[in-house]
N, C-alpha and C. Protein backbone atom coordinates (compact mmCIF):
# COMPACT_ATOMS: atom_id res chain seq x y z
N MET A 1 40.40 -23.24 32.25
CA MET A 1 39.90 -23.83 33.47
C MET A 1 38.37 -23.87 33.41
N ALA A 2 37.82 -25.05 33.51
CA ALA A 2 36.38 -25.24 33.43
C ALA A 2 35.72 -24.85 34.75
N ILE A 3 34.54 -24.30 34.62
CA ILE A 3 33.79 -23.92 35.82
C ILE A 3 33.06 -25.16 36.31
N ARG A 4 33.21 -25.45 37.57
CA ARG A 4 32.58 -26.64 38.15
C ARG A 4 31.40 -26.22 39.01
N ILE A 5 30.20 -26.78 38.67
CA ILE A 5 29.00 -26.48 39.43
C ILE A 5 28.92 -27.48 40.58
N PRO A 6 28.72 -26.97 41.79
CA PRO A 6 28.62 -27.89 42.94
C PRO A 6 27.48 -28.88 42.76
N GLU A 7 27.70 -30.10 43.27
CA GLU A 7 26.72 -31.16 43.10
C GLU A 7 25.39 -30.83 43.76
N LEU A 8 25.42 -30.14 44.88
CA LEU A 8 24.20 -29.77 45.59
C LEU A 8 23.35 -28.81 44.73
N LEU A 9 24.01 -27.84 44.04
CA LEU A 9 23.30 -26.90 43.18
C LEU A 9 22.71 -27.63 41.97
N THR A 10 23.47 -28.58 41.41
CA THR A 10 22.99 -29.35 40.27
C THR A 10 21.73 -30.12 40.65
N ARG A 11 21.70 -30.74 41.83
CA ARG A 11 20.52 -31.49 42.28
C ARG A 11 19.33 -30.55 42.48
N GLU A 12 19.60 -29.36 43.06
CA GLU A 12 18.51 -28.41 43.32
C GLU A 12 17.90 -27.92 42.00
N ILE A 13 18.74 -27.63 41.00
CA ILE A 13 18.24 -27.20 39.69
C ILE A 13 17.41 -28.31 39.05
N GLY A 14 17.91 -29.53 39.10
CA GLY A 14 17.17 -30.67 38.56
C GLY A 14 15.83 -30.85 39.25
N HIS A 15 15.81 -30.70 40.59
CA HIS A 15 14.58 -30.84 41.35
C HIS A 15 13.56 -29.77 40.92
N ARG A 16 14.01 -28.52 40.76
CA ARG A 16 13.12 -27.42 40.35
C ARG A 16 12.55 -27.67 38.94
N LEU A 17 13.38 -28.18 38.02
CA LEU A 17 12.91 -28.49 36.66
C LEU A 17 11.85 -29.58 36.68
N GLU A 18 12.06 -30.60 37.52
CA GLU A 18 11.05 -31.67 37.62
C GLU A 18 9.74 -31.13 38.15
N GLU A 19 9.80 -30.23 39.14
CA GLU A 19 8.57 -29.62 39.68
C GLU A 19 7.83 -28.83 38.59
N PHE A 20 8.58 -28.10 37.80
CA PHE A 20 7.97 -27.31 36.72
C PHE A 20 7.29 -28.22 35.70
N GLN A 21 7.98 -29.32 35.33
CA GLN A 21 7.40 -30.26 34.36
C GLN A 21 6.14 -30.90 34.91
N ASP A 22 6.13 -31.20 36.20
CA ASP A 22 4.94 -31.79 36.81
C ASP A 22 3.76 -30.81 36.76
N ARG A 23 4.01 -29.54 37.04
CA ARG A 23 2.94 -28.54 36.99
C ARG A 23 2.38 -28.39 35.58
N VAL A 24 3.28 -28.41 34.58
CA VAL A 24 2.83 -28.30 33.19
C VAL A 24 1.96 -29.50 32.84
N ARG A 25 2.37 -30.69 33.29
CA ARG A 25 1.57 -31.90 33.02
C ARG A 25 0.20 -31.82 33.68
N GLN A 26 0.17 -31.26 34.91
CA GLN A 26 -1.10 -31.14 35.63
C GLN A 26 -2.06 -30.18 34.92
N LEU A 27 -1.52 -29.13 34.30
CA LEU A 27 -2.37 -28.20 33.57
C LEU A 27 -2.93 -28.82 32.30
N GLY A 28 -2.27 -29.82 31.78
CA GLY A 28 -2.72 -30.45 30.56
C GLY A 28 -2.51 -29.58 29.34
N LEU A 29 -1.53 -28.68 29.41
CA LEU A 29 -1.28 -27.73 28.33
C LEU A 29 -0.89 -28.44 27.04
N ARG A 30 -0.05 -29.46 27.17
CA ARG A 30 0.39 -30.17 25.96
C ARG A 30 -0.78 -30.89 25.31
N THR A 31 -1.61 -31.51 26.10
CA THR A 31 -2.78 -32.22 25.57
C THR A 31 -3.74 -31.23 24.91
N TRP A 32 -3.97 -30.11 25.59
CA TRP A 32 -4.89 -29.10 25.06
C TRP A 32 -4.38 -28.57 23.72
N LEU A 33 -3.06 -28.30 23.62
CA LEU A 33 -2.49 -27.82 22.36
C LEU A 33 -2.61 -28.88 21.26
N ASN A 34 -2.38 -30.12 21.60
CA ASN A 34 -2.49 -31.19 20.61
C ASN A 34 -3.93 -31.35 20.11
N GLU A 35 -4.89 -31.13 21.00
CA GLU A 35 -6.29 -31.27 20.61
C GLU A 35 -6.81 -30.03 19.88
N SER A 36 -6.19 -28.87 20.10
CA SER A 36 -6.68 -27.61 19.53
C SER A 36 -5.80 -27.14 18.37
N TYR A 37 -5.45 -28.04 17.50
CA TYR A 37 -4.55 -27.68 16.40
C TYR A 37 -5.18 -26.66 15.46
N ARG A 38 -6.51 -26.69 15.32
CA ARG A 38 -7.17 -25.71 14.45
C ARG A 38 -7.03 -24.29 15.00
N LEU A 39 -7.12 -24.16 16.31
CA LEU A 39 -6.94 -22.86 16.94
C LEU A 39 -5.51 -22.36 16.72
N ILE A 40 -4.54 -23.24 16.86
CA ILE A 40 -3.14 -22.87 16.67
C ILE A 40 -2.91 -22.44 15.22
N ILE A 41 -3.47 -23.16 14.28
CA ILE A 41 -3.33 -22.80 12.86
C ILE A 41 -4.00 -21.45 12.60
N GLY A 42 -5.17 -21.21 13.17
CA GLY A 42 -5.86 -19.93 12.99
C GLY A 42 -5.06 -18.76 13.56
N VAL A 43 -4.53 -18.91 14.76
CA VAL A 43 -3.72 -17.85 15.37
C VAL A 43 -2.47 -17.60 14.55
N THR A 44 -1.83 -18.66 14.04
CA THR A 44 -0.64 -18.51 13.21
C THR A 44 -0.96 -17.77 11.92
N CYS A 45 -2.07 -18.10 11.27
CA CYS A 45 -2.48 -17.40 10.04
C CYS A 45 -2.78 -15.93 10.31
N LEU A 46 -3.45 -15.64 11.42
CA LEU A 46 -3.75 -14.26 11.77
C LEU A 46 -2.45 -13.46 11.99
N CYS A 47 -1.50 -14.05 12.68
CA CYS A 47 -0.20 -13.38 12.90
C CYS A 47 0.52 -13.14 11.58
N MET A 48 0.48 -14.10 10.67
CA MET A 48 1.13 -13.93 9.37
C MET A 48 0.44 -12.82 8.56
N LEU A 49 -0.89 -12.76 8.61
CA LEU A 49 -1.62 -11.72 7.91
C LEU A 49 -1.26 -10.33 8.45
N LEU A 50 -1.20 -10.20 9.77
CA LEU A 50 -0.80 -8.93 10.38
C LEU A 50 0.62 -8.55 9.98
N LEU A 51 1.50 -9.53 9.92
CA LEU A 51 2.89 -9.28 9.51
C LEU A 51 2.94 -8.76 8.08
N VAL A 52 2.16 -9.36 7.18
CA VAL A 52 2.13 -8.92 5.77
C VAL A 52 1.58 -7.49 5.68
N ILE A 53 0.53 -7.16 6.43
CA ILE A 53 -0.05 -5.81 6.41
C ILE A 53 0.96 -4.78 6.91
N VAL A 54 1.63 -5.08 8.00
CA VAL A 54 2.63 -4.15 8.55
C VAL A 54 3.79 -3.97 7.58
N ALA A 55 4.25 -5.06 6.96
CA ALA A 55 5.35 -4.96 6.01
C ALA A 55 4.94 -4.14 4.78
N ALA A 56 3.72 -4.33 4.29
CA ALA A 56 3.25 -3.58 3.13
C ALA A 56 3.17 -2.09 3.44
N ARG A 57 2.68 -1.72 4.63
CA ARG A 57 2.60 -0.30 5.00
C ARG A 57 3.98 0.31 5.18
N ALA A 58 4.91 -0.47 5.71
CA ALA A 58 6.27 0.04 5.94
C ALA A 58 7.00 0.27 4.61
N LEU A 59 6.74 -0.58 3.63
CA LEU A 59 7.42 -0.47 2.34
C LEU A 59 6.73 0.49 1.38
N LYS A 60 5.50 0.86 1.68
CA LYS A 60 4.75 1.76 0.80
C LYS A 60 5.42 3.13 0.81
N SER A 61 5.67 3.66 -0.39
CA SER A 61 6.33 4.97 -0.48
C SER A 61 5.31 6.07 -0.23
N SER A 62 5.78 7.15 0.37
CA SER A 62 4.93 8.30 0.61
C SER A 62 5.68 9.55 0.18
N PRO A 63 4.96 10.63 -0.18
CA PRO A 63 5.64 11.85 -0.60
C PRO A 63 6.46 12.42 0.55
N GLU A 64 7.54 13.17 0.18
CA GLU A 64 8.40 13.77 1.19
C GLU A 64 7.62 14.70 2.10
N HIS A 65 6.87 15.60 1.52
CA HIS A 65 6.10 16.57 2.27
C HIS A 65 4.74 16.72 1.60
N VAL A 66 3.74 16.89 2.43
CA VAL A 66 2.41 17.14 1.89
C VAL A 66 2.01 18.55 2.30
N PHE A 67 1.82 19.42 1.33
CA PHE A 67 1.42 20.78 1.59
C PHE A 67 -0.05 20.93 1.23
N GLN A 68 -0.77 21.64 2.08
CA GLN A 68 -2.16 21.94 1.76
C GLN A 68 -2.24 23.39 1.32
N HIS A 69 -2.79 23.62 0.16
CA HIS A 69 -2.85 24.95 -0.42
C HIS A 69 -4.28 25.45 -0.48
N GLY A 70 -4.40 26.76 -0.47
CA GLY A 70 -5.68 27.39 -0.72
C GLY A 70 -5.81 27.65 -2.22
N LYS A 71 -6.78 28.46 -2.58
CA LYS A 71 -6.97 28.79 -3.99
C LYS A 71 -6.16 30.01 -4.39
N THR A 72 -5.63 30.72 -3.40
CA THR A 72 -4.82 31.90 -3.68
C THR A 72 -3.46 31.77 -3.02
N ALA A 73 -2.54 32.59 -3.47
CA ALA A 73 -1.18 32.61 -2.90
C ALA A 73 -0.82 34.05 -2.57
N TRP A 74 0.16 34.20 -1.68
CA TRP A 74 0.64 35.53 -1.31
C TRP A 74 1.59 36.06 -2.38
N PHE A 75 1.45 37.34 -2.68
CA PHE A 75 2.36 38.04 -3.57
C PHE A 75 2.77 39.34 -2.90
N TYR A 76 3.96 39.81 -3.23
CA TYR A 76 4.52 41.02 -2.62
C TYR A 76 4.68 42.08 -3.70
N ASP A 77 4.14 43.26 -3.43
CA ASP A 77 4.25 44.39 -4.35
C ASP A 77 5.54 45.15 -4.01
N VAL A 78 6.56 45.06 -4.88
CA VAL A 78 7.84 45.69 -4.59
C VAL A 78 7.76 47.21 -4.64
N ASN A 79 6.72 47.79 -5.24
CA ASN A 79 6.56 49.24 -5.25
C ASN A 79 6.11 49.77 -3.89
N THR A 80 5.15 49.09 -3.29
CA THR A 80 4.56 49.58 -2.03
C THR A 80 5.01 48.81 -0.80
N GLY A 81 5.58 47.62 -0.98
CA GLY A 81 5.97 46.79 0.17
C GLY A 81 4.79 46.12 0.84
N LYS A 82 3.67 46.02 0.13
CA LYS A 82 2.46 45.42 0.71
C LYS A 82 2.18 44.07 0.06
N LEU A 83 1.50 43.23 0.84
CA LEU A 83 1.10 41.91 0.36
C LEU A 83 -0.26 41.99 -0.33
N PHE A 84 -0.45 41.14 -1.32
CA PHE A 84 -1.75 40.96 -1.95
C PHE A 84 -1.86 39.49 -2.36
N THR A 85 -3.06 39.06 -2.68
CA THR A 85 -3.25 37.67 -3.07
C THR A 85 -3.62 37.60 -4.55
N ALA A 86 -3.26 36.48 -5.13
CA ALA A 86 -3.59 36.20 -6.53
C ALA A 86 -3.76 34.69 -6.66
N GLY A 87 -4.16 34.22 -7.81
CA GLY A 87 -4.39 32.80 -8.04
C GLY A 87 -3.15 31.96 -7.70
N PHE A 88 -3.39 30.82 -7.08
CA PHE A 88 -2.29 29.98 -6.61
C PHE A 88 -1.42 29.46 -7.75
N LYS A 89 -2.00 29.27 -8.92
CA LYS A 89 -1.23 28.72 -10.04
C LYS A 89 -0.34 29.76 -10.73
N GLN A 90 -0.50 31.03 -10.38
CA GLN A 90 0.35 32.06 -10.97
C GLN A 90 1.75 31.97 -10.38
N VAL A 91 2.73 32.11 -11.24
CA VAL A 91 4.12 31.96 -10.81
C VAL A 91 4.71 33.29 -10.40
N GLY A 92 4.54 34.30 -11.19
CA GLY A 92 5.16 35.60 -10.92
C GLY A 92 6.42 35.74 -11.76
N PRO A 93 6.90 36.90 -11.96
CA PRO A 93 6.26 38.12 -11.50
C PRO A 93 4.94 38.39 -12.24
N ILE A 94 4.03 39.03 -11.50
CA ILE A 94 2.72 39.35 -12.05
C ILE A 94 2.45 40.84 -11.87
N ALA A 95 1.39 41.33 -12.49
CA ALA A 95 1.00 42.72 -12.32
C ALA A 95 0.57 42.96 -10.88
N ALA A 96 1.13 43.98 -10.26
CA ALA A 96 0.80 44.33 -8.88
C ALA A 96 -0.28 45.42 -8.87
N PRO A 97 -0.99 45.56 -7.76
CA PRO A 97 -2.02 46.61 -7.68
C PRO A 97 -1.47 48.02 -7.92
N SER A 98 -0.20 48.25 -7.61
CA SER A 98 0.38 49.59 -7.78
C SER A 98 0.88 49.84 -9.20
N GLY A 99 0.82 48.82 -10.04
CA GLY A 99 1.29 48.97 -11.41
C GLY A 99 2.72 48.49 -11.57
N PRO A 100 3.35 48.78 -12.71
CA PRO A 100 4.71 48.30 -12.96
C PRO A 100 5.74 49.09 -12.14
N THR A 101 6.95 48.54 -12.06
CA THR A 101 8.06 49.22 -11.39
C THR A 101 8.46 50.43 -12.22
N PRO A 102 9.27 51.35 -11.67
CA PRO A 102 9.72 52.51 -12.45
C PRO A 102 10.44 52.12 -13.75
N SER A 103 11.05 50.92 -13.76
CA SER A 103 11.72 50.47 -14.98
C SER A 103 10.76 49.79 -15.95
N GLY A 104 9.48 49.69 -15.59
CA GLY A 104 8.47 49.13 -16.49
C GLY A 104 8.24 47.63 -16.34
N GLU A 105 8.87 47.00 -15.35
CA GLU A 105 8.70 45.54 -15.15
C GLU A 105 7.53 45.26 -14.21
N LEU A 106 7.07 44.01 -14.23
CA LEU A 106 6.00 43.60 -13.33
C LEU A 106 6.50 43.66 -11.89
N ALA A 107 5.63 44.09 -10.96
CA ALA A 107 6.07 44.36 -9.59
C ALA A 107 5.57 43.36 -8.56
N GLY A 108 4.81 42.34 -8.95
CA GLY A 108 4.26 41.38 -8.00
C GLY A 108 5.04 40.08 -8.01
N PHE A 109 5.65 39.74 -6.87
CA PHE A 109 6.42 38.50 -6.76
C PHE A 109 5.80 37.58 -5.72
N ARG A 110 5.77 36.33 -6.08
CA ARG A 110 5.26 35.30 -5.15
C ARG A 110 6.09 35.36 -3.88
N SER A 111 5.42 35.31 -2.73
CA SER A 111 6.15 35.43 -1.47
C SER A 111 5.75 34.31 -0.50
N HIS A 112 6.69 33.97 0.34
CA HIS A 112 6.47 32.95 1.38
C HIS A 112 6.34 33.68 2.70
N ILE A 113 5.18 33.53 3.32
CA ILE A 113 4.81 34.32 4.48
C ILE A 113 4.86 33.45 5.74
N TYR A 114 5.41 34.03 6.79
CA TYR A 114 5.58 33.34 8.08
C TYR A 114 5.10 34.24 9.20
N SER A 115 4.89 33.63 10.36
CA SER A 115 4.64 34.38 11.59
C SER A 115 4.96 33.47 12.77
N TYR A 116 4.95 34.05 13.95
CA TYR A 116 5.21 33.27 15.16
C TYR A 116 3.93 32.81 15.84
N VAL A 117 2.77 33.11 15.27
CA VAL A 117 1.49 32.71 15.85
C VAL A 117 0.68 31.91 14.85
N LEU A 118 -0.20 31.05 15.35
CA LEU A 118 -1.00 30.19 14.47
C LEU A 118 -2.05 30.96 13.69
N ASP A 119 -2.67 31.95 14.32
CA ASP A 119 -3.73 32.73 13.66
C ASP A 119 -3.30 34.19 13.63
N PRO A 120 -2.42 34.56 12.68
CA PRO A 120 -1.85 35.91 12.70
C PRO A 120 -2.79 36.97 12.12
N ASN A 121 -2.59 38.21 12.57
CA ASN A 121 -3.23 39.33 11.89
C ASN A 121 -2.18 39.91 10.95
N GLU A 122 -2.53 40.95 10.23
CA GLU A 122 -1.64 41.48 9.19
C GLU A 122 -0.30 41.96 9.77
N ASN A 123 -0.30 42.47 10.99
CA ASN A 123 0.94 42.97 11.60
C ASN A 123 1.88 41.85 12.02
N ASP A 124 1.36 40.63 12.21
CA ASP A 124 2.19 39.50 12.63
C ASP A 124 2.92 38.83 11.47
N LEU A 125 2.53 39.13 10.24
CA LEU A 125 3.09 38.44 9.08
C LEU A 125 4.49 38.94 8.75
N VAL A 126 5.36 38.00 8.38
CA VAL A 126 6.74 38.28 8.00
C VAL A 126 6.96 37.70 6.61
N VAL A 127 7.52 38.50 5.70
CA VAL A 127 7.85 37.98 4.37
C VAL A 127 9.19 37.26 4.49
N GLY A 128 9.16 35.94 4.38
CA GLY A 128 10.38 35.14 4.49
C GLY A 128 11.29 35.34 3.30
N PHE A 129 10.72 35.18 2.12
CA PHE A 129 11.48 35.41 0.88
C PHE A 129 10.52 35.52 -0.29
N LEU A 130 11.03 36.09 -1.36
CA LEU A 130 10.29 36.19 -2.62
C LEU A 130 10.80 35.11 -3.55
N GLU A 131 9.98 34.70 -4.48
CA GLU A 131 10.36 33.61 -5.40
C GLU A 131 10.00 33.99 -6.82
N GLN A 132 10.78 33.47 -7.75
CA GLN A 132 10.44 33.57 -9.18
C GLN A 132 11.08 32.37 -9.88
N PRO A 133 10.57 31.99 -11.05
CA PRO A 133 11.15 30.85 -11.77
C PRO A 133 12.59 31.16 -12.20
N ASP A 134 13.40 30.13 -12.20
CA ASP A 134 14.78 30.25 -12.69
C ASP A 134 14.75 29.98 -14.19
N PRO A 135 15.04 30.99 -15.01
CA PRO A 135 14.97 30.78 -16.47
C PRO A 135 16.01 29.78 -16.98
N ASP A 136 17.08 29.55 -16.21
CA ASP A 136 18.13 28.63 -16.62
C ASP A 136 17.96 27.23 -16.06
N ALA A 137 16.88 26.98 -15.33
CA ALA A 137 16.68 25.67 -14.69
C ALA A 137 16.40 24.61 -15.74
N PRO A 138 17.07 23.44 -15.64
CA PRO A 138 16.83 22.36 -16.60
C PRO A 138 15.47 21.69 -16.38
N ARG A 139 15.01 21.65 -15.13
CA ARG A 139 13.73 21.01 -14.81
C ARG A 139 12.77 22.07 -14.32
N LYS A 140 11.58 22.07 -14.85
CA LYS A 140 10.57 23.05 -14.46
C LYS A 140 9.58 22.40 -13.49
N ALA A 141 9.14 23.18 -12.51
CA ALA A 141 8.11 22.73 -11.58
C ALA A 141 7.04 23.80 -11.52
N SER A 142 5.79 23.39 -11.48
CA SER A 142 4.72 24.39 -11.43
C SER A 142 4.69 25.04 -10.06
N ALA A 143 4.20 26.24 -10.00
CA ALA A 143 4.14 26.97 -8.74
C ALA A 143 3.18 26.31 -7.77
N SER A 144 2.15 25.66 -8.29
CA SER A 144 1.15 25.07 -7.42
C SER A 144 1.54 23.68 -6.91
N ASP A 145 2.58 23.08 -7.47
CA ASP A 145 2.96 21.74 -7.05
C ASP A 145 4.25 21.80 -6.24
N MET A 146 4.10 21.69 -4.92
CA MET A 146 5.27 21.66 -4.05
C MET A 146 5.41 20.29 -3.40
N SER A 147 4.80 19.26 -3.99
CA SER A 147 4.92 17.93 -3.43
C SER A 147 6.33 17.38 -3.60
N ASP A 148 7.02 17.80 -4.65
CA ASP A 148 8.41 17.41 -4.85
C ASP A 148 9.28 18.63 -4.57
N THR A 149 9.69 18.80 -3.32
CA THR A 149 10.43 20.00 -2.92
C THR A 149 11.79 20.08 -3.61
N ARG A 150 12.39 18.96 -3.93
CA ARG A 150 13.69 18.98 -4.62
C ARG A 150 13.54 19.59 -6.02
N LYS A 151 12.52 19.16 -6.74
CA LYS A 151 12.28 19.70 -8.08
C LYS A 151 11.94 21.19 -8.01
N TRP A 152 11.12 21.57 -7.02
CA TRP A 152 10.77 22.98 -6.83
C TRP A 152 12.04 23.81 -6.57
N ALA A 153 12.90 23.33 -5.66
CA ALA A 153 14.11 24.08 -5.30
C ALA A 153 15.07 24.23 -6.48
N GLN A 154 15.11 23.27 -7.36
CA GLN A 154 16.03 23.33 -8.49
C GLN A 154 15.52 24.22 -9.62
N SER A 155 14.27 24.67 -9.51
CA SER A 155 13.70 25.49 -10.59
C SER A 155 13.30 26.88 -10.12
N ARG A 156 13.80 27.32 -8.96
CA ARG A 156 13.41 28.61 -8.42
C ARG A 156 14.60 29.47 -8.04
N LEU A 157 14.38 30.78 -8.13
CA LEU A 157 15.30 31.78 -7.60
C LEU A 157 14.58 32.46 -6.44
N ILE A 158 15.31 32.78 -5.38
CA ILE A 158 14.70 33.44 -4.23
C ILE A 158 15.57 34.62 -3.79
N ARG A 159 14.95 35.49 -3.00
CA ARG A 159 15.70 36.59 -2.37
C ARG A 159 14.87 37.13 -1.21
N ARG A 160 15.56 37.73 -0.23
CA ARG A 160 14.86 38.44 0.83
C ARG A 160 14.30 39.74 0.24
N VAL A 161 13.36 40.35 0.91
CA VAL A 161 12.78 41.61 0.45
C VAL A 161 13.86 42.68 0.34
N LYS A 162 14.77 42.74 1.32
CA LYS A 162 15.80 43.78 1.33
C LYS A 162 16.94 43.52 0.34
N ASP A 163 17.07 42.28 -0.14
CA ASP A 163 18.15 41.95 -1.08
C ASP A 163 17.82 42.45 -2.48
N LYS A 164 18.85 42.65 -3.28
CA LYS A 164 18.66 43.06 -4.67
C LYS A 164 18.91 41.90 -5.64
N GLN A 165 19.74 40.95 -5.22
CA GLN A 165 20.14 39.87 -6.12
C GLN A 165 19.33 38.60 -5.85
N TRP A 166 18.89 37.96 -6.94
CA TRP A 166 18.20 36.67 -6.86
C TRP A 166 19.25 35.56 -6.79
N VAL A 167 18.99 34.52 -5.97
CA VAL A 167 19.92 33.39 -5.85
C VAL A 167 19.14 32.10 -6.01
N GLN A 168 19.82 31.05 -6.42
CA GLN A 168 19.18 29.74 -6.52
C GLN A 168 18.92 29.19 -5.12
N VAL A 169 17.82 28.49 -4.96
CA VAL A 169 17.47 27.93 -3.65
C VAL A 169 18.56 26.97 -3.18
N THR A 170 19.14 26.22 -4.11
CA THR A 170 20.12 25.20 -3.74
C THR A 170 21.53 25.76 -3.55
N SER A 171 21.74 27.05 -3.80
CA SER A 171 23.06 27.66 -3.62
C SER A 171 23.31 27.91 -2.13
N PRO A 172 24.56 28.12 -1.73
CA PRO A 172 24.83 28.43 -0.32
C PRO A 172 24.06 29.67 0.17
N GLU A 173 23.93 30.68 -0.70
CA GLU A 173 23.18 31.88 -0.31
C GLU A 173 21.69 31.56 -0.12
N GLY A 174 21.15 30.73 -1.02
CA GLY A 174 19.75 30.32 -0.91
C GLY A 174 19.50 29.49 0.35
N ARG A 175 20.42 28.58 0.63
CA ARG A 175 20.29 27.78 1.85
C ARG A 175 20.36 28.66 3.10
N ALA A 176 21.21 29.71 3.04
CA ALA A 176 21.32 30.62 4.18
C ALA A 176 19.98 31.33 4.44
N ILE A 177 19.27 31.70 3.37
CA ILE A 177 17.96 32.34 3.52
C ILE A 177 16.99 31.37 4.19
N ILE A 178 16.95 30.13 3.72
CA ILE A 178 16.05 29.12 4.29
C ILE A 178 16.44 28.81 5.74
N ASP A 179 17.75 28.64 6.00
CA ASP A 179 18.20 28.33 7.36
C ASP A 179 17.85 29.45 8.33
N GLU A 180 17.93 30.69 7.87
CA GLU A 180 17.58 31.83 8.71
C GLU A 180 16.13 31.74 9.17
N LEU A 181 15.25 31.26 8.30
CA LEU A 181 13.84 31.11 8.64
C LEU A 181 13.59 29.94 9.60
N MET A 182 14.49 28.97 9.60
CA MET A 182 14.33 27.80 10.45
C MET A 182 14.99 27.95 11.81
N THR A 183 15.61 29.11 12.07
CA THR A 183 16.29 29.35 13.33
C THR A 183 15.31 29.98 14.32
N PRO A 184 15.23 29.45 15.56
CA PRO A 184 14.31 30.04 16.54
C PRO A 184 14.73 31.46 16.92
N ASN A 185 13.76 32.27 17.31
CA ASN A 185 14.08 33.63 17.76
C ASN A 185 14.62 33.60 19.19
N GLU A 186 14.84 34.78 19.77
CA GLU A 186 15.42 34.84 21.12
C GLU A 186 14.52 34.23 22.18
N LYS A 187 13.22 34.10 21.91
CA LYS A 187 12.29 33.45 22.85
C LYS A 187 12.19 31.95 22.59
N GLY A 188 12.91 31.45 21.58
CA GLY A 188 12.86 30.02 21.25
C GLY A 188 11.69 29.66 20.35
N GLN A 189 11.00 30.65 19.78
CA GLN A 189 9.85 30.38 18.91
C GLN A 189 10.31 30.14 17.48
N MET A 190 9.61 29.25 16.81
CA MET A 190 9.88 28.94 15.40
C MET A 190 8.84 29.62 14.53
N LEU A 191 9.28 30.07 13.35
CA LEU A 191 8.34 30.66 12.39
C LEU A 191 7.41 29.59 11.82
N ILE A 192 6.16 29.96 11.56
CA ILE A 192 5.16 29.07 10.99
C ILE A 192 4.83 29.58 9.60
N TRP A 193 4.85 28.69 8.60
CA TRP A 193 4.55 29.06 7.22
C TRP A 193 3.03 29.19 7.08
N HIS A 194 2.58 30.25 6.39
CA HIS A 194 1.15 30.49 6.22
C HIS A 194 0.81 30.56 4.73
N THR A 195 -0.29 29.94 4.39
CA THR A 195 -0.82 30.05 3.03
C THR A 195 -1.91 31.11 3.01
N ALA A 196 -2.16 31.67 1.85
CA ALA A 196 -3.26 32.62 1.71
C ALA A 196 -4.56 31.85 1.67
N GLN A 197 -5.60 32.41 2.18
CA GLN A 197 -6.89 31.71 2.25
C GLN A 197 -7.76 32.07 1.08
């Protein structure tokens, strides 16, 4: 069944369209546009240039994460339970200030330090996890280059300070350690990662 528009409404719509066309003619918009073709071409070129710039920026690849590092990194002395700093390019384990472990191994492990405040003092710092290179990793990543987090995760072993066993970052146990750090505390605060200065 076709919808039938009343004749009175059809006439009223036609009348309104004629009024609109008359107003457009009075403004001389069509004449002005015909005479200003250079302006129209210029505006069109400017719009096309902006479109190309926006498309180029949208398609430009960027790194997953950008980390800013200092010249030193945090290390944890497993003999004393204290933090110390060493060169950022050192991987660990390294010699700790307290000397070797009772078994004769190096006691300094690279550590990832967090706190709930932006400008923490020593008491506010929390050791999130310790890290060391995975000797069985097929791909190696330098300790100072964390721009490719996937490559870093595939070449590292981590553990909490209280744990005895090292686990791969990409394993379920490793993900559990990372997820624990990303969970807000009872006040809803998130841990903030801190670099050594």
